[in-house]
Amino acid sequence: MTKLFMKYLSIIVTIYFLSLVFHTIQIDSISALLIMGLVLLGVNLLLKPILLLVTLPLSLLTLGLFSFIVNAWTIMIADHFVTNISMGGFLNSLIAAFIIVFINQLFMDINKNPAKY
């Protein structure tokens, strides 16, 4: 599978499971979840590099940890464009950013080293 599809899959899985854990994250339909994944993928491809470039000094000062804040901002921007999903604020977006990065890395590791039987 491609990297883009893995990223899309990690976004959808994370938002869905976070909606089960946190009651402030609300998903009205599965189609809204799929659209949220596409919108977030588009925002990550278009706006995230610009935001990372603008916040480069802060990212250097925090040794790269500020990139999680930028990820949370991109989730909030995507949440603004999709009407049937509510992420419930910055803290939920920040938690989602941490988990999306973790699950995406897990999917990439599994895809890179498939089990040999």
PDB file of N, CA and C in Angstrom:
ATOM      1  N   MET A   1       0.843  -1.178   0.000  1.00  0.00           N
ATOM      2  CA  MET A   1       0.000   0.000   0.000  1.00  0.00           C
ATOM      3  C   MET A   1       0.888   1.240   0.000  1.00  0.00           C
ATOM      4  N   THR A   2       0.348   2.311  -0.510  1.00  0.00           N
ATOM      5  CA  THR A   2       1.144   3.526  -0.611  1.00  0.00           C
ATOM      6  C   THR A   2       1.169   4.282   0.712  1.00  0.00           C
ATOM      7  N   LYS A   3       2.141   5.190   0.810  1.00  0.00           N
ATOM      8  CA  LYS A   3       2.264   6.000   2.029  1.00  0.00           C
ATOM      9  C   LYS A   3       1.040   6.884   2.235  1.00  0.00           C
ATOM     10  N   LEU A   4       0.504   7.414   1.138  1.00  0.00           N
ATOM     11  CA  LEU A   4      -0.651   8.306   1.236  1.00  0.00           C
ATOM     12  C   LEU A   4      -1.875   7.557   1.765  1.00  0.00           C
ATOM     13  N   PHE A   5      -2.076   6.342   1.284  1.00  0.00           N
ATOM     14  CA  PHE A   5      -3.204   5.555   1.758  1.00  0.00           C
ATOM     15  C   PHE A   5      -3.017   5.162   3.216  1.00  0.00           C
ATOM     16  N   MET A   6      -1.783   4.865   3.606  1.00  0.00           N
ATOM     17  CA  MET A   6      -1.517   4.523   5.008  1.00  0.00           C
ATOM     18  C   MET A   6      -1.799   5.715   5.922  1.00  0.00           C
ATOM     19  N   LYS A   7      -1.412   6.890   5.471  1.00  0.00           N
ATOM     20  CA  LYS A   7      -1.686   8.104   6.252  1.00  0.00           C
ATOM     21  C   LYS A   7      -3.190   8.310   6.376  1.00  0.00           C
ATOM     22  N   TYR A   8      -3.915   8.133   5.264  1.00  0.00           N
ATOM     23  CA  TYR A   8      -5.374   8.282   5.265  1.00  0.00           C
ATOM     24  C   TYR A   8      -6.005   7.275   6.220  1.00  0.00           C
ATOM     25  N   LEU A   9      -5.536   6.048   6.168  1.00  0.00           N
ATOM     26  CA  LEU A   9      -6.073   5.012   7.038  1.00  0.00           C
ATOM     27  C   LEU A   9      -5.792   5.308   8.505  1.00  0.00           C
ATOM     28  N   SER A  10      -4.598   5.804   8.810  1.00  0.00           N
ATOM     29  CA  SER A  10      -4.282   6.122  10.203  1.00  0.00           C
ATOM     30  C   SER A  10      -5.122   7.290  10.714  1.00  0.00           C
ATOM     31  N   ILE A  11      -5.431   8.246   9.850  1.00  0.00           N
ATOM     32  CA  ILE A  11      -6.280   9.367  10.242  1.00  0.00           C
ATOM     33  C   ILE A  11      -7.683   8.886  10.580  1.00  0.00           C
ATOM     34  N   ILE A  12      -8.242   8.061   9.705  1.00  0.00           N
ATOM     35  CA  ILE A  12      -9.613   7.582   9.906  1.00  0.00           C
ATOM     36  C   ILE A  12      -9.711   6.710  11.155  1.00  0.00           C
ATOM     37  N   VAL A  13      -8.786   5.791  11.321  1.00  0.00           N
ATOM     38  CA  VAL A  13      -8.808   4.887  12.478  1.00  0.00           C
ATOM     39  C   VAL A  13      -8.673   5.674  13.777  1.00  0.00           C
ATOM     40  N   THR A  14      -7.758   6.625  13.798  1.00  0.00           N
ATOM     41  CA  THR A  14      -7.534   7.405  15.015  1.00  0.00           C
ATOM     42  C   THR A  14      -8.745   8.238  15.390  1.00  0.00           C
ATOM     43  N   ILE A  15      -9.311   8.939  14.429  1.00  0.00           N
ATOM     44  CA  ILE A  15     -10.469   9.786  14.741  1.00  0.00           C
ATOM     45  C   ILE A  15     -11.651   8.936  15.187  1.00  0.00           C
ATOM     46  N   TYR A  16     -11.839   7.794  14.558  1.00  0.00           N
ATOM     47  CA  TYR A  16     -12.947   6.925  14.953  1.00  0.00           C
ATOM     48  C   TYR A  16     -12.775   6.413  16.386  1.00  0.00           C
ATOM     49  N   PHE A  17     -11.587   5.896  16.707  1.00  0.00           N
ATOM     50  CA  PHE A  17     -11.377   5.373  18.056  1.00  0.00           C
ATOM     51  C   PHE A  17     -11.378   6.473  19.110  1.00  0.00           C
ATOM     52  N   LEU A  18     -10.907   7.649  18.766  1.00  0.00           N
ATOM     53  CA  LEU A  18     -10.977   8.756  19.724  1.00  0.00           C
ATOM     54  C   LEU A  18     -12.424   9.188  19.968  1.00  0.00           C
ATOM     55  N   SER A  19     -13.274   9.060  18.943  1.00  0.00           N
ATOM     56  CA  SER A  19     -14.684   9.397  19.149  1.00  0.00           C
ATOM     57  C   SER A  19     -15.354   8.398  20.087  1.00  0.00           C
ATOM     58  N   LEU A  20     -14.837   7.178  20.149  1.00  0.00           N
ATOM     59  CA  LEU A  20     -15.375   6.200  21.094  1.00  0.00           C
ATOM     60  C   LEU A  20     -14.902   6.472  22.518  1.00  0.00           C
ATOM     61  N   VAL A  21     -13.688   7.011  22.660  1.00  0.00           N
ATOM     62  CA  VAL A  21     -13.117   7.254  23.984  1.00  0.00           C
ATOM     63  C   VAL A  21     -13.577   8.589  24.560  1.00  0.00           C
ATOM     64  N   PHE A  22     -13.500   9.651  23.750  1.00  0.00           N
ATOM     65  CA  PHE A  22     -13.859  10.987  24.212  1.00  0.00           C
ATOM     66  C   PHE A  22     -15.255  11.353  23.709  1.00  0.00           C
ATOM     67  N   HIS A  23     -16.113  11.771  24.627  1.00  0.00           N
ATOM     68  CA  HIS A  23     -17.482  12.122  24.249  1.00  0.00           C
ATOM     69  C   HIS A  23     -17.566  13.500  23.590  1.00  0.00           C
ATOM     70  N   THR A  24     -16.498  14.275  23.673  1.00  0.00           N
ATOM     71  CA  THR A  24     -16.518  15.591  23.034  1.00  0.00           C
ATOM     72  C   THR A  24     -16.225  15.512  21.542  1.00  0.00           C
ATOM     73  N   ILE A  25     -15.678  14.391  21.076  1.00  0.00           N
ATOM     74  CA  ILE A  25     -15.465  14.186  19.639  1.00  0.00           C
ATOM     75  C   ILE A  25     -16.693  13.479  19.097  1.00  0.00           C
ATOM     76  N   GLN A  26     -17.393  14.140  18.191  1.00  0.00           N
ATOM     77  CA  GLN A  26     -18.652  13.604  17.674  1.00  0.00           C
ATOM     78  C   GLN A  26     -18.565  13.414  16.170  1.00  0.00           C
ATOM     79  N   ILE A  27     -18.964  12.235  15.724  1.00  0.00           N
ATOM     80  CA  ILE A  27     -19.021  11.916  14.304  1.00  0.00           C
ATOM     81  C   ILE A  27     -20.472  11.571  13.978  1.00  0.00           C
ATOM     82  N   ASP A  28     -21.057  12.309  13.021  1.00  0.00           N
ATOM     83  CA  ASP A  28     -22.449  12.080  12.682  1.00  0.00           C
ATOM     84  C   ASP A  28     -22.650  10.914  11.723  1.00  0.00           C
ATOM     85  N   SER A  29     -21.704  10.676  10.818  1.00  0.00           N
ATOM     86  CA  SER A  29     -21.851   9.590   9.854  1.00  0.00           C
ATOM     87  C   SER A  29     -20.488   9.087   9.407  1.00  0.00           C
ATOM     88  N   ILE A  30     -20.505   7.917   8.807  1.00  0.00           N
ATOM     89  CA  ILE A  30     -19.260   7.347   8.299  1.00  0.00           C
ATOM     90  C   ILE A  30     -18.749   8.158   7.119  1.00  0.00           C
ATOM     91  N   SER A  31     -19.655   8.672   6.310  1.00  0.00           N
ATOM     92  CA  SER A  31     -19.220   9.495   5.175  1.00  0.00           C
ATOM     93  C   SER A  31     -18.526  10.767   5.654  1.00  0.00           C
ATOM     94  N   ALA A  32     -18.992  11.327   6.757  1.00  0.00           N
ATOM     95  CA  ALA A  32     -18.327  12.508   7.321  1.00  0.00           C
ATOM     96  C   ALA A  32     -16.918  12.158   7.802  1.00  0.00           C
ATOM     97  N   LEU A  33     -16.745  10.958   8.351  1.00  0.00           N
ATOM     98  CA  LEU A  33     -15.427  10.509   8.785  1.00  0.00           C
ATOM     99  C   LEU A  33     -14.491  10.345   7.590  1.00  0.00           C
ATOM    100  N   LEU A  34     -14.998   9.764   6.507  1.00  0.00           N
ATOM    101  CA  LEU A  34     -14.175   9.581   5.309  1.00  0.00           C
ATOM    102  C   LEU A  34     -13.813  10.924   4.676  1.00  0.00           C
ATOM    103  N   ILE A  35     -14.763  11.860   4.682  1.00  0.00           N
ATOM    104  CA  ILE A  35     -14.487  13.199   4.150  1.00  0.00           C
ATOM    105  C   ILE A  35     -13.481  13.917   5.045  1.00  0.00           C
ATOM    106  N   MET A  36     -13.590  13.742   6.354  1.00  0.00           N
ATOM    107  CA  MET A  36     -12.629  14.352   7.278  1.00  0.00           C
ATOM    108  C   MET A  36     -11.227  13.840   7.004  1.00  0.00           C
ATOM    109  N   GLY A  37     -11.109  12.555   6.729  1.00  0.00           N
ATOM    110  CA  GLY A  37      -9.804  11.995   6.402  1.00  0.00           C
ATOM    111  C   GLY A  37      -9.225  12.612   5.136  1.00  0.00           C
ATOM    112  N   LEU A  38     -10.059  12.787   4.111  1.00  0.00           N
ATOM    113  CA  LEU A  38      -9.595  13.400   2.867  1.00  0.00           C
ATOM    114  C   LEU A  38      -9.222  14.862   3.052  1.00  0.00           C
ATOM    115  N   VAL A  39     -10.051  15.590   3.791  1.00  0.00           N
ATOM    116  CA  VAL A  39      -9.776  17.015   4.020  1.00  0.00           C
ATOM    117  C   VAL A  39      -8.504  17.176   4.841  1.00  0.00           C
ATOM    118  N   LEU A  40      -8.339  16.363   5.871  1.00  0.00           N
ATOM    119  CA  LEU A  40      -7.131  16.453   6.697  1.00  0.00           C
ATOM    120  C   LEU A  40      -5.894  16.068   5.894  1.00  0.00           C
ATOM    121  N   LEU A  41      -6.034  15.088   5.017  1.00  0.00           N
ATOM    122  CA  LEU A  41      -4.919  14.717   4.153  1.00  0.00           C
ATOM    123  C   LEU A  41      -4.556  15.871   3.222  1.00  0.00           C
ATOM    124  N   GLY A  42      -5.564  16.552   2.673  1.00  0.00           N
ATOM    125  CA  GLY A  42      -5.312  17.708   1.815  1.00  0.00           C
ATOM    126  C   GLY A  42      -4.685  18.864   2.563  1.00  0.00           C
ATOM    127  N   VAL A  43      -5.169  19.123   3.762  1.00  0.00           N
ATOM    128  CA  VAL A  43      -4.593  20.201   4.579  1.00  0.00           C
ATOM    129  C   VAL A  43      -3.148  19.871   4.934  1.00  0.00           C
ATOM    130  N   ASN A  44      -2.883  18.592   5.239  1.00  0.00           N
ATOM    131  CA  ASN A  44      -1.512  18.192   5.549  1.00  0.00           C
ATOM    132  C   ASN A  44      -0.590  18.342   4.344  1.00  0.00           C
ATOM    133  N   LEU A  45      -1.106  18.116   3.159  1.00  0.00           N
ATOM    134  CA  LEU A  45      -0.278  18.232   1.958  1.00  0.00           C
ATOM    135  C   LEU A  45      -0.062  19.676   1.533  1.00  0.00           C
ATOM    136  N   LEU A  46      -1.054  20.537   1.751  1.00  0.00           N
ATOM    137  CA  LEU A  46      -0.977  21.911   1.258  1.00  0.00           C
ATOM    138  C   LEU A  46      -0.536  22.928   2.311  1.00  0.00           C
ATOM    139  N   LEU A  47      -1.172  22.929   3.454  1.00  0.00           N
ATOM    140  CA  LEU A  47      -0.913  23.969   4.461  1.00  0.00           C
ATOM    141  C   LEU A  47       0.168  23.613   5.482  1.00  0.00           C
ATOM    142  N   LYS A  48       0.307  22.340   5.793  1.00  0.00           N
ATOM    143  CA  LYS A  48       1.244  21.948   6.840  1.00  0.00           C
ATOM    144  C   LYS A  48       2.693  22.351   6.528  1.00  0.00           C
ATOM    145  N   PRO A  49       3.188  22.192   5.289  1.00  0.00           N
ATOM    146  CA  PRO A  49       4.565  22.652   5.041  1.00  0.00           C
ATOM    147  C   PRO A  49       4.753  24.151   5.256  1.00  0.00           C
ATOM    148  N   ILE A  50       3.737  24.929   4.916  1.00  0.00           N
ATOM    149  CA  ILE A  50       3.816  26.379   5.128  1.00  0.00           C
ATOM    150  C   ILE A  50       3.827  26.696   6.620  1.00  0.00           C
ATOM    151  N   LEU A  51       2.951  26.039   7.375  1.00  0.00           N
ATOM    152  CA  LEU A  51       2.906  26.261   8.821  1.00  0.00           C
ATOM    153  C   LEU A  51       4.205  25.817   9.494  1.00  0.00           C
ATOM    154  N   LEU A  52       4.763  24.713   9.034  1.00  0.00           N
ATOM    155  CA  LEU A  52       6.033  24.261   9.618  1.00  0.00           C
ATOM    156  C   LEU A  52       7.164  25.229   9.310  1.00  0.00           C
ATOM    157  N   LEU A  53       7.148  25.818   8.139  1.00  0.00           N
ATOM    158  CA  LEU A  53       8.183  26.788   7.780  1.00  0.00           C
ATOM    159  C   LEU A  53       8.058  28.066   8.608  1.00  0.00           C
ATOM    160  N   VAL A  54       6.832  28.519   8.811  1.00  0.00           N
ATOM    161  CA  VAL A  54       6.604  29.738   9.591  1.00  0.00           C
ATOM    162  C   VAL A  54       6.986  29.521  11.058  1.00  0.00           C
ATOM    163  N   THR A  55       6.718  28.338  11.573  1.00  0.00           N
ATOM    164  CA  THR A  55       6.987  28.058  12.986  1.00  0.00           C
ATOM    165  C   THR A  55       8.334  27.379  13.204  1.00  0.00           C
ATOM    166  N   LEU A  56       9.207  27.432  12.222  1.00  0.00           N
ATOM    167  CA  LEU A  56      10.515  26.782  12.336  1.00  0.00           C
ATOM    168  C   LEU A  56      11.334  27.254  13.540  1.00  0.00           C
ATOM    169  N   PRO A  57      11.380  28.552  13.848  1.00  0.00           N
ATOM    170  CA  PRO A  57      12.144  28.956  15.042  1.00  0.00           C
ATOM    171  C   PRO A  57      11.619  28.329  16.341  1.00  0.00           C
ATOM    172  N   LEU A  58      10.300  28.275  16.494  1.00  0.00           N
ATOM    173  CA  LEU A  58       9.742  27.646  17.697  1.00  0.00           C
ATOM    174  C   LEU A  58      10.007  26.144  17.715  1.00  0.00           C
ATOM    175  N   SER A  59       9.962  25.542  16.542  1.00  0.00           N
ATOM    176  CA  SER A  59      10.234  24.117  16.460  1.00  0.00           C
ATOM    177  C   SER A  59      11.690  23.816  16.816  1.00  0.00           C
ATOM    178  N   LEU A  60      12.594  24.677  16.402  1.00  0.00           N
ATOM    179  CA  LEU A  60      13.999  24.488  16.761  1.00  0.00           C
ATOM    180  C   LEU A  60      14.227  24.675  18.257  1.00  0.00           C
ATOM    181  N   LEU A  61      13.548  25.636  18.851  1.00  0.00           N
ATOM    182  CA  LEU A  61      13.693  25.871  20.290  1.00  0.00           C
ATOM    183  C   LEU A  61      13.156  24.714  21.131  1.00  0.00           C
ATOM    184  N   THR A  62      12.094  24.075  20.633  1.00  0.00           N
ATOM    185  CA  THR A  62      11.488  22.975  21.387  1.00  0.00           C
ATOM    186  C   THR A  62      11.957  21.612  20.901  1.00  0.00           C
ATOM    187  N   LEU A  63      13.011  21.605  20.076  1.00  0.00           N
ATOM    188  CA  LEU A  63      13.581  20.371  19.540  1.00  0.00           C
ATOM    189  C   LEU A  63      12.560  19.535  18.766  1.00  0.00           C
ATOM    190  N   GLY A  64      11.702  20.209  18.020  1.00  0.00           N
ATOM    191  CA  GLY A  64      10.745  19.540  17.149  1.00  0.00           C
ATOM    192  C   GLY A  64       9.392  19.249  17.755  1.00  0.00           C
ATOM    193  N   LEU A  65       9.231  19.478  19.054  1.00  0.00           N
ATOM    194  CA  LEU A  65       7.950  19.165  19.687  1.00  0.00           C
ATOM    195  C   LEU A  65       6.830  20.110  19.258  1.00  0.00           C
ATOM    196  N   PHE A  66       7.194  21.293  18.764  1.00  0.00           N
ATOM    197  CA  PHE A  66       6.169  22.233  18.330  1.00  0.00           C
ATOM    198  C   PHE A  66       5.448  21.721  17.078  1.00  0.00           C
ATOM    199  N   SER A  67       6.027  20.758  16.404  1.00  0.00           N
ATOM    200  CA  SER A  67       5.355  20.203  15.218  1.00  0.00           C
ATOM    201  C   SER A  67       4.043  19.508  15.602  1.00  0.00           C
ATOM    202  N   PHE A  68       3.941  19.017  16.834  1.00  0.00           N
ATOM    203  CA  PHE A  68       2.667  18.440  17.282  1.00  0.00           C
ATOM    204  C   PHE A  68       1.596  19.520  17.397  1.00  0.00           C
ATOM    205  N   ILE A  69       1.976  20.725  17.783  1.00  0.00           N
ATOM    206  CA  ILE A  69       1.036  21.840  17.831  1.00  0.00           C
ATOM    207  C   ILE A  69       0.564  22.168  16.417  1.00  0.00           C
ATOM    208  N   VAL A  70       1.485  22.150  15.460  1.00  0.00           N
ATOM    209  CA  VAL A  70       1.120  22.400  14.064  1.00  0.00           C
ATOM    210  C   VAL A  70       0.176  21.308  13.570  1.00  0.00           C
ATOM    211  N   ASN A  71       0.426  20.055  13.952  1.00  0.00           N
ATOM    212  CA  ASN A  71      -0.480  18.965  13.588  1.00  0.00           C
ATOM    213  C   ASN A  71      -1.871  19.180  14.185  1.00  0.00           C
ATOM    214  N   ALA A  72      -1.923  19.646  15.420  1.00  0.00           N
ATOM    215  CA  ALA A  72      -3.219  19.930  16.049  1.00  0.00           C
ATOM    216  C   ALA A  72      -3.933  21.063  15.314  1.00  0.00           C
ATOM    217  N   TRP A  73      -3.181  22.076  14.880  1.00  0.00           N
ATOM    218  CA  TRP A  73      -3.786  23.166  14.105  1.00  0.00           C
ATOM    219  C   TRP A  73      -4.378  22.651  12.803  1.00  0.00           C
ATOM    220  N   THR A  74      -3.659  21.740  12.132  1.00  0.00           N
ATOM    221  CA  THR A  74      -4.192  21.213  10.870  1.00  0.00           C
ATOM    222  C   THR A  74      -5.461  20.402  11.102  1.00  0.00           C
ATOM    223  N   ILE A  75      -5.530  19.693  12.210  1.00  0.00           N
ATOM    224  CA  ILE A  75      -6.748  18.952  12.540  1.00  0.00           C
ATOM    225  C   ILE A  75      -7.890  19.926  12.804  1.00  0.00           C
ATOM    226  N   MET A  76      -7.611  21.030  13.491  1.00  0.00           N
ATOM    227  CA  MET A  76      -8.648  22.021  13.763  1.00  0.00           C
ATOM    228  C   MET A  76      -9.108  22.714  12.479  1.00  0.00           C
ATOM    229  N   ILE A  77      -8.181  22.948  11.548  1.00  0.00           N
ATOM    230  CA  ILE A  77      -8.545  23.547  10.260  1.00  0.00           C
ATOM    231  C   ILE A  77      -9.443  22.590   9.482  1.00  0.00           C
ATOM    232  N   ALA A  78      -9.088  21.320   9.443  1.00  0.00           N
ATOM    233  CA  ALA A  78      -9.915  20.328   8.743  1.00  0.00           C
ATOM    234  C   ALA A  78     -11.267  20.185   9.414  1.00  0.00           C
ATOM    235  N   ASP A  79     -11.294  20.254  10.736  1.00  0.00           N
ATOM    236  CA  ASP A  79     -12.556  20.181  11.479  1.00  0.00           C
ATOM    237  C   ASP A  79     -13.465  21.348  11.117  1.00  0.00           C
ATOM    238  N   HIS A  80     -12.881  22.482  10.844  1.00  0.00           N
ATOM    239  CA  HIS A  80     -13.663  23.659  10.458  1.00  0.00           C
ATOM    240  C   HIS A  80     -14.356  23.449   9.111  1.00  0.00           C
ATOM    241  N   PHE A  81     -13.714  22.736   8.203  1.00  0.00           N
ATOM    242  CA  PHE A  81     -14.279  22.544   6.869  1.00  0.00           C
ATOM    243  C   PHE A  81     -15.304  21.419   6.794  1.00  0.00           C
ATOM    244  N   VAL A  82     -15.236  20.438   7.667  1.00  0.00           N
ATOM    245  CA  VAL A  82     -16.174  19.316   7.655  1.00  0.00           C
ATOM    246  C   VAL A  82     -17.250  19.588   8.693  1.00  0.00           C
ATOM    247  N   THR A  83     -18.497  19.651   8.239  1.00  0.00           N
ATOM    248  CA  THR A  83     -19.574  20.104   9.117  1.00  0.00           C
ATOM    249  C   THR A  83     -20.109  19.024  10.053  1.00  0.00           C
ATOM    250  N   ASN A  84     -20.034  17.753   9.688  1.00  0.00           N
ATOM    251  CA  ASN A  84     -20.662  16.707  10.490  1.00  0.00           C
ATOM    252  C   ASN A  84     -19.731  16.060  11.501  1.00  0.00           C
ATOM    253  N   ILE A  85     -18.594  16.678  11.731  1.00  0.00           N
ATOM    254  CA  ILE A  85     -17.649  16.185  12.744  1.00  0.00           C
ATOM    255  C   ILE A  85     -17.261  17.342  13.651  1.00  0.00           C
ATOM    256  N   SER A  86     -17.207  17.056  14.946  1.00  0.00           N
ATOM    257  CA  SER A  86     -16.744  18.048  15.908  1.00  0.00           C
ATOM    258  C   SER A  86     -15.629  17.417  16.731  1.00  0.00           C
ATOM    259  N   MET A  87     -14.445  18.004  16.642  1.00  0.00           N
ATOM    260  CA  MET A  87     -13.301  17.469  17.382  1.00  0.00           C
ATOM    261  C   MET A  87     -13.290  17.921  18.842  1.00  0.00           C
ATOM    262  N   GLY A  88     -14.009  18.938  19.181  1.00  0.00           N
ATOM    263  CA  GLY A  88     -14.143  19.333  20.572  1.00  0.00           C
ATOM    264  C   GLY A  88     -13.034  20.198  21.120  1.00  0.00           C
ATOM    265  N   GLY A  89     -12.252  20.838  20.280  1.00  0.00           N
ATOM    266  CA  GLY A  89     -11.280  21.797  20.764  1.00  0.00           C
ATOM    267  C   GLY A  89      -9.839  21.392  20.549  1.00  0.00           C
ATOM    268  N   PHE A  90      -8.951  22.241  21.088  1.00  0.00           N
ATOM    269  CA  PHE A  90      -7.522  22.090  20.853  1.00  0.00           C
ATOM    270  C   PHE A  90      -6.941  20.862  21.531  1.00  0.00           C
ATOM    271  N   LEU A  91      -7.336  20.583  22.763  1.00  0.00           N
ATOM    272  CA  LEU A  91      -6.757  19.463  23.500  1.00  0.00           C
ATOM    273  C   LEU A  91      -7.056  18.136  22.806  1.00  0.00           C
ATOM    274  N   ASN A  92      -8.291  17.941  22.355  1.00  0.00           N
ATOM    275  CA  ASN A  92      -8.623  16.719  21.630  1.00  0.00           C
ATOM    276  C   ASN A  92      -7.864  16.636  20.311  1.00  0.00           C
ATOM    277  N   SER A  93      -7.676  17.769  19.653  1.00  0.00           N
ATOM    278  CA  SER A  93      -6.915  17.785  18.411  1.00  0.00           C
ATOM    279  C   SER A  93      -5.452  17.445  18.666  1.00  0.00           C
ATOM    280  N   LEU A  94      -4.910  17.915  19.777  1.00  0.00           N
ATOM    281  CA  LEU A  94      -3.526  17.612  20.124  1.00  0.00           C
ATOM    282  C   LEU A  94      -3.347  16.127  20.434  1.00  0.00           C
ATOM    283  N   ILE A  95      -4.288  15.554  21.167  1.00  0.00           N
ATOM    284  CA  ILE A  95      -4.237  14.115  21.457  1.00  0.00           C
ATOM    285  C   ILE A  95      -4.355  13.319  20.165  1.00  0.00           C
ATOM    286  N   ALA A  96      -5.258  13.752  19.281  1.00  0.00           N
ATOM    287  CA  ALA A  96      -5.408  13.085  17.989  1.00  0.00           C
ATOM    288  C   ALA A  96      -4.127  13.179  17.174  1.00  0.00           C
ATOM    289  N   ALA A  97      -3.443  14.311  17.233  1.00  0.00           N
ATOM    290  CA  ALA A  97      -2.189  14.476  16.492  1.00  0.00           C
ATOM    291  C   ALA A  97      -1.138  13.494  16.993  1.00  0.00           C
ATOM    292  N   PHE A  98      -1.013  13.339  18.306  1.00  0.00           N
ATOM    293  CA  PHE A  98      -0.059  12.379  18.863  1.00  0.00           C
ATOM    294  C   PHE A  98      -0.370  10.960  18.388  1.00  0.00           C
ATOM    295  N   ILE A  99      -1.642  10.593  18.467  1.00  0.00           N
ATOM    296  CA  ILE A  99      -2.020   9.215  18.140  1.00  0.00           C
ATOM    297  C   ILE A  99      -1.940   8.967  16.634  1.00  0.00           C
ATOM    298  N   ILE A 100      -2.278   9.959  15.810  1.00  0.00           N
ATOM    299  CA  ILE A 100      -2.164   9.801  14.360  1.00  0.00           C
ATOM    300  C   ILE A 100      -0.710   9.557  13.972  1.00  0.00           C
ATOM    301  N   VAL A 101       0.208  10.299  14.555  1.00  0.00           N
ATOM    302  CA  VAL A 101       1.633  10.095  14.260  1.00  0.00           C
ATOM    303  C   VAL A 101       2.070   8.705  14.699  1.00  0.00           C
ATOM    304  N   PHE A 102       1.633   8.273  15.854  1.00  0.00           N
ATOM    305  CA  PHE A 102       2.006   6.951  16.366  1.00  0.00           C
ATOM    306  C   PHE A 102       1.461   5.839  15.475  1.00  0.00           C
ATOM    307  N   ILE A 103       0.170   5.905  15.138  1.00  0.00           N
ATOM    308  CA  ILE A 103      -0.440   4.858  14.313  1.00  0.00           C
ATOM    309  C   ILE A 103       0.132   4.874  12.905  1.00  0.00           C
ATOM    310  N   ASN A 104       0.398   6.061  12.357  1.00  0.00           N
ATOM    311  CA  ASN A 104       0.992   6.146  11.029  1.00  0.00           C
ATOM    312  C   ASN A 104       2.373   5.493  11.023  1.00  0.00           C
ATOM    313  N   GLN A 105       3.169   5.733  12.047  1.00  0.00           N
ATOM    314  CA  GLN A 105       4.489   5.111  12.139  1.00  0.00           C
ATOM    315  C   GLN A 105       4.365   3.602  12.290  1.00  0.00           C
ATOM    316  N   LEU A 106       3.374   3.152  13.041  1.00  0.00           N
ATOM    317  CA  LEU A 106       3.143   1.724  13.204  1.00  0.00           C
ATOM    318  C   LEU A 106       2.778   1.074  11.874  1.00  0.00           C
ATOM    319  N   PHE A 107       1.886   1.715  11.103  1.00  0.00           N
ATOM    320  CA  PHE A 107       1.506   1.193   9.792  1.00  0.00           C
ATOM    321  C   PHE A 107       2.700   1.167   8.842  1.00  0.00           C
ATOM    322  N   MET A 108       3.534   2.203   8.895  1.00  0.00           N
ATOM    323  CA  MET A 108       4.703   2.246   8.016  1.00  0.00           C
ATOM    324  C   MET A 108       5.702   1.147   8.372  1.00  0.00           C
ATOM    325  N   ASP A 109       5.886   0.878   9.668  1.00  0.00           N
ATOM    326  CA  ASP A 109       6.795  -0.184  10.091  1.00  0.00           C
ATOM    327  C   ASP A 109       6.276  -1.554   9.677  1.00  0.00           C
ATOM    328  N   ILE A 110       4.976  -1.761   9.796  1.00  0.00           N
ATOM    329  CA  ILE A 110       4.384  -3.033   9.391  1.00  0.00           C
ATOM    330  C   ILE A 110       4.515  -3.216   7.884  1.00  0.00           C
ATOM    331  N   ASN A 111       4.286  -2.156   7.129  1.00  0.00           N
ATOM    332  CA  ASN A 111       4.375  -2.217   5.680  1.00  0.00           C
ATOM    333  C   ASN A 111       5.811  -2.413   5.211  1.00  0.00           C
ATOM    334  N   LYS A 112       6.769  -1.834   5.938  1.00  0.00           N
ATOM    335  CA  LYS A 112       8.167  -1.943   5.545  1.00  0.00           C
ATOM    336  C   LYS A 112       8.725  -3.340   5.803  1.00  0.00           C
ATOM    337  N   ASN A 113       8.366  -3.916   6.926  1.00  0.00           N
ATOM    338  CA  ASN A 113       8.891  -5.242   7.308  1.00  0.00           C
ATOM    339  C   ASN A 113       7.758  -6.241   7.457  1.00  0.00           C
ATOM    340  N   PRO A 114       7.242  -6.781   6.341  1.00  0.00           N
ATOM    341  CA  PRO A 114       6.161  -7.760   6.473  1.00  0.00           C
ATOM    342  C   PRO A 114       6.684  -9.057   7.095  1.00  0.00           C
ATOM    343  N   ALA A 115       5.813  -9.708   7.810  1.00  0.00           N
ATOM    344  CA  ALA A 115       6.189 -10.962   8.473  1.00  0.00           C
ATOM    345  C   ALA A 115       6.454 -12.030   7.418  1.00  0.00           C
ATOM    346  N   LYS A 116       7.517 -12.787   7.614  1.00  0.00           N
ATOM    347  CA  LYS A 116       7.884 -13.854   6.677  1.00  0.00           C
ATOM    348  C   LYS A 116       7.597 -15.186   7.342  1.00  0.00           C
ATOM    349  N   TYR A 117       6.797 -15.989   6.665  1.00  0.00           N
ATOM    350  CA  TYR A 117       6.425 -17.281   7.226  1.00  0.00           C
ATOM    351  C   TYR A 117       7.110 -18.405   6.478  1.00  0.00           C
TER     352      TYR A 117
END
